[in-house]
C-alpha atoms as a PDB file:
ATOM      1  CA  UNK A   1      79.016  14.144 -98.491  1.00  0.00           C
ATOM      2  CA  UNK A   2      81.724  15.267-100.911  1.00  0.00           C
ATOM      3  CA  UNK A   3      82.373  18.994-100.620  1.00  0.00           C
ATOM      4  CA  UNK A   4      85.141  19.298-103.199  1.00  0.00           C
ATOM      5  CA  UNK A   5      87.688  17.527-105.339  1.00  0.00           C
ATOM      6  CA  UNK A   6      91.019  18.629-106.714  1.00  0.00           C
ATOM      7  CA  UNK A   7      93.790  17.197-108.838  1.00  0.00           C
ATOM      8  CA  UNK A   8      97.220  18.463-109.826  1.00  0.00           C
ATOM      9  CA  UNK A   9     100.109  17.225-111.919  1.00  0.00           C
ATOM     10  CA  UNK A  10     103.570  18.772-112.055  1.00  0.00           C
ATOM     11  CA  UNK A  11     106.845  18.108-113.814  1.00  0.00           C
ATOM     12  CA  UNK A  12     109.399  16.985-111.245  1.00  0.00           C
ATOM     13  CA  UNK A  13     112.094  18.912-113.113  1.00  0.00           C
ATOM     14  CA  UNK A  14     110.174  22.158-112.482  1.00  0.00           C
ATOM     15  CA  UNK A  15     110.428  21.585-108.725  1.00  0.00           C
ATOM     16  CA  UNK A  16     114.088  20.505-109.044  1.00  0.00           C
ATOM     17  CA  UNK A  17     114.897  23.735-110.924  1.00  0.00           C
ATOM     18  CA  UNK A  18     113.097  25.838-108.288  1.00  0.00           C
ATOM     19  CA  UNK A  19     115.114  24.140-105.546  1.00  0.00           C
ATOM     20  CA  UNK A  20     118.349  24.637-107.508  1.00  0.00           C
ATOM     21  CA  UNK A  21     117.565  28.325-108.146  1.00  0.00           C
ATOM     22  CA  UNK A  22     116.102  29.416-104.788  1.00  0.00           C
ATOM     23  CA  UNK A  23     117.187  26.633-102.416  1.00  0.00           C
ATOM     24  CA  UNK A  24     115.877  26.777 -98.876  1.00  0.00           C
ATOM     25  CA  UNK A  25     113.981  30.006 -99.594  1.00  0.00           C
ATOM     26  CA  UNK A  26     111.723  28.100-101.986  1.00  0.00           C
ATOM     27  CA  UNK A  27     111.426  25.072 -99.722  1.00  0.00           C
ATOM     28  CA  UNK A  28     110.622  27.152 -96.629  1.00  0.00           C
ATOM     29  CA  UNK A  29     108.046  29.178 -98.554  1.00  0.00           C
ATOM     30  CA  UNK A  30     106.078  26.108 -99.687  1.00  0.00           C
ATOM     31  CA  UNK A  31     106.803  23.331 -97.200  1.00  0.00           C
ATOM     32  CA  UNK A  32     106.768  22.788 -93.450  1.00  0.00           C
ATOM     33  CA  UNK A  33     109.940  21.501 -91.772  1.00  0.00           C
ATOM     34  CA  UNK A  34     108.432  18.030 -91.326  1.00  0.00           C
ATOM     35  CA  UNK A  35     107.713  17.830 -95.075  1.00  0.00           C
ATOM     36  CA  UNK A  36     111.233  19.015 -95.940  1.00  0.00           C
ATOM     37  CA  UNK A  37     112.827  16.451 -93.618  1.00  0.00           C
ATOM     38  CA  UNK A  38     110.708  13.654 -95.126  1.00  0.00           C
ATOM     39  CA  UNK A  39     111.635  14.491 -98.721  1.00  0.00           C
ATOM     40  CA  UNK A  40     115.339  15.028 -97.990  1.00  0.00           C
ATOM     41  CA  UNK A  41     115.757  11.554 -96.535  1.00  0.00           C
ATOM     42  CA  UNK A  42     115.005  10.041 -99.969  1.00  0.00           C
ATOM     43  CA  UNK A  43     117.537   9.553-102.752  1.00  0.00           C
ATOM     44  CA  UNK A  44     115.465  11.555-105.250  1.00  0.00           C
ATOM     45  CA  UNK A  45     114.077  14.261-102.955  1.00  0.00           C
ATOM     46  CA  UNK A  46     112.685  16.275-105.879  1.00  0.00           C
ATOM     47  CA  UNK A  47     110.115  13.513-106.589  1.00  0.00           C
ATOM     48  CA  UNK A  48     108.844  13.713-103.023  1.00  0.00           C
ATOM     49  CA  UNK A  49     108.796  17.512-102.978  1.00  0.00           C
ATOM     50  CA  UNK A  50     106.903  17.488-106.285  1.00  0.00           C
ATOM     51  CA  UNK A  51     104.319  14.972-105.020  1.00  0.00           C
ATOM     52  CA  UNK A  52     103.699  17.098-101.924  1.00  0.00           C
ATOM     53  CA  UNK A  53     103.542  20.250-104.020  1.00  0.00           C
ATOM     54  CA  UNK A  54     100.914  18.601-106.235  1.00  0.00           C
ATOM     55  CA  UNK A  55      99.018  17.427-103.134  1.00  0.00           C
ATOM     56  CA  UNK A  56      98.937  20.944-101.691  1.00  0.00           C
ATOM     57  CA  UNK A  57      97.646  22.273-105.021  1.00  0.00           C
ATOM     58  CA  UNK A  58      94.991  19.533-105.203  1.00  0.00           C
ATOM     59  CA  UNK A  59      93.826  20.249-101.639  1.00  0.00           C
ATOM     60  CA  UNK A  60      93.781  23.991-102.337  1.00  0.00           C
ATOM     61  CA  UNK A  61      91.603  23.407-105.405  1.00  0.00           C
ATOM     62  CA  UNK A  62      89.295  21.059-103.505  1.00  0.00           C
ATOM     63  CA  UNK A  63      88.843  23.476-100.581  1.00  0.00           C
ATOM     64  CA  UNK A  64      88.275  26.472-102.868  1.00  0.00           C
ATOM     65  CA  UNK A  65      89.342  28.832-100.076  1.00  0.00           C
ATOM     66  CA  UNK A  66      91.650  31.648-101.120  1.00  0.00           C
ATOM     67  CA  UNK A  67      92.658  32.324 -97.497  1.00  0.00           C
ATOM     68  CA  UNK A  68      94.590  29.019 -97.368  1.00  0.00           C
ATOM     69  CA  UNK A  69      98.353  29.312 -97.906  1.00  0.00           C
ATOM     70  CA  UNK A  70     101.024  26.730 -98.769  1.00  0.00           C
ATOM     71  CA  UNK A  71     101.999  26.185 -95.163  1.00  0.00           C
ATOM     72  CA  UNK A  72      98.396  25.819 -93.984  1.00  0.00           C
ATOM     73  CA  UNK A  73      98.364  22.475 -95.805  1.00  0.00           C
ATOM     74  CA  UNK A  74     100.515  19.764 -94.238  1.00  0.00           C
ATOM     75  CA  UNK A  75     101.155  16.539 -96.185  1.00  0.00           C
ATOM     76  CA  UNK A  76     102.648  13.786 -94.044  1.00  0.00           C
ATOM     77  CA  UNK A  77     102.767  10.011 -94.024  1.00  0.00           C
ATOM     78  CA  UNK A  78     101.329   7.806 -91.311  1.00  0.00           C
ATOM     79  CA  UNK A  79     103.258   4.920 -89.728  1.00  0.00           C
ATOM     80  CA  UNK A  80     102.304   2.653 -92.644  1.00  0.00           C
ATOM     81  CA  UNK A  81     103.537   5.161 -95.236  1.00  0.00           C
ATOM     82  CA  UNK A  82     100.074   6.307 -96.356  1.00  0.00           C
ATOM     83  CA  UNK A  83      99.987  10.046 -97.072  1.00  0.00           C
ATOM     84  CA  UNK A  84      97.403  12.199 -95.372  1.00  0.00           C
ATOM     85  CA  UNK A  85      96.637  15.870 -95.070  1.00  0.00           C
ATOM     86  CA  UNK A  86      96.211  18.142 -92.089  1.00  0.00           C
ATOM     87  CA  UNK A  87      94.876  21.669 -92.494  1.00  0.00           C
ATOM     88  CA  UNK A  88      96.721  23.940 -90.088  1.00  0.00           C
ATOM     89  CA  UNK A  89      94.064  26.666 -90.136  1.00  0.00           C
ATOM     90  CA  UNK A  90      90.990  27.188 -87.992  1.00  0.00           C
ATOM     91  CA  UNK A  91      87.569  26.378 -89.447  1.00  0.00           C
ATOM     92  CA  UNK A  92      88.981  23.561 -91.560  1.00  0.00           C
ATOM     93  CA  UNK A  93      89.696  20.985 -88.862  1.00  0.00           C
ATOM     94  CA  UNK A  94      86.239  19.445 -89.336  1.00  0.00           C
ATOM     95  CA  UNK A  95      86.896  18.418 -92.932  1.00  0.00           C
ATOM     96  CA  UNK A  96      87.932  14.908 -93.855  1.00  0.00           C
ATOM     97  CA  UNK A  97      90.590  15.058 -96.562  1.00  0.00           C
ATOM     98  CA  UNK A  98      91.500  12.018 -98.610  1.00  0.00           C
ATOM     99  CA  UNK A  99      94.606  12.291-100.773  1.00  0.00           C
ATOM    100  CA  UNK A 100      96.443  10.063-103.181  1.00  0.00           C
ATOM    101  CA  UNK A 101      99.954  10.765-104.502  1.00  0.00           C
ATOM    102  CA  UNK A 102     101.979   9.177-107.252  1.00  0.00           C
ATOM    103  CA  UNK A 103     105.092   9.953-109.236  1.00  0.00           C
ATOM    104  CA  UNK A 104     107.051   8.613-112.149  1.00  0.00           C
ATOM    105  CA  UNK A 105     110.495   9.627-113.306  1.00  0.00           C
ATOM    106  CA  UNK A 106     109.168  12.876-114.807  1.00  0.00           C
ATOM    107  CA  UNK A 107     105.828  13.729-113.209  1.00  0.00           C
ATOM    108  CA  UNK A 108     104.106  13.838-109.834  1.00  0.00           C
ATOM    109  CA  UNK A 109     100.332  13.795-109.452  1.00  0.00           C
ATOM    110  CA  UNK A 110      97.953  14.142-106.537  1.00  0.00           C
ATOM    111  CA  UNK A 111      94.224  13.889-105.994  1.00  0.00           C
ATOM    112  CA  UNK A 112      92.239  15.283-103.056  1.00  0.00           C
ATOM    113  CA  UNK A 113      88.665  14.712-101.933  1.00  0.00           C
ATOM    114  CA  UNK A 114      87.131  16.872 -99.208  1.00  0.00           C
ATOM    115  CA  UNK A 115      84.142  15.580 -97.254  1.00  0.00           C
ATOM    116  CA  UNK A 116      82.462  16.327 -93.970  1.00  0.00           C
END
């Protein structure tokens, strides 16, 4: 049964400007070290940060739980490169979370579906 859905789109340049302005303070506020390491190993890291930012927003919207913070939502890729989400907070480990990420030169978008 579907419990919630969420979608988010963001301009990649907005994330790039936040990184340029606040650097690691911004990154460490929003992302876990594993997410930061993943994005930084790509030529255009801002695209990957933006896609994960959008995914976290989409999951947050789908869960509709104001107690969830940025770092409670972990977006990682499996061995085949498929992104998936892990909620790092108690009482949410029973949810199945399906996510899809995409980006172009200017935008990143993510969709999340929460089911039980």
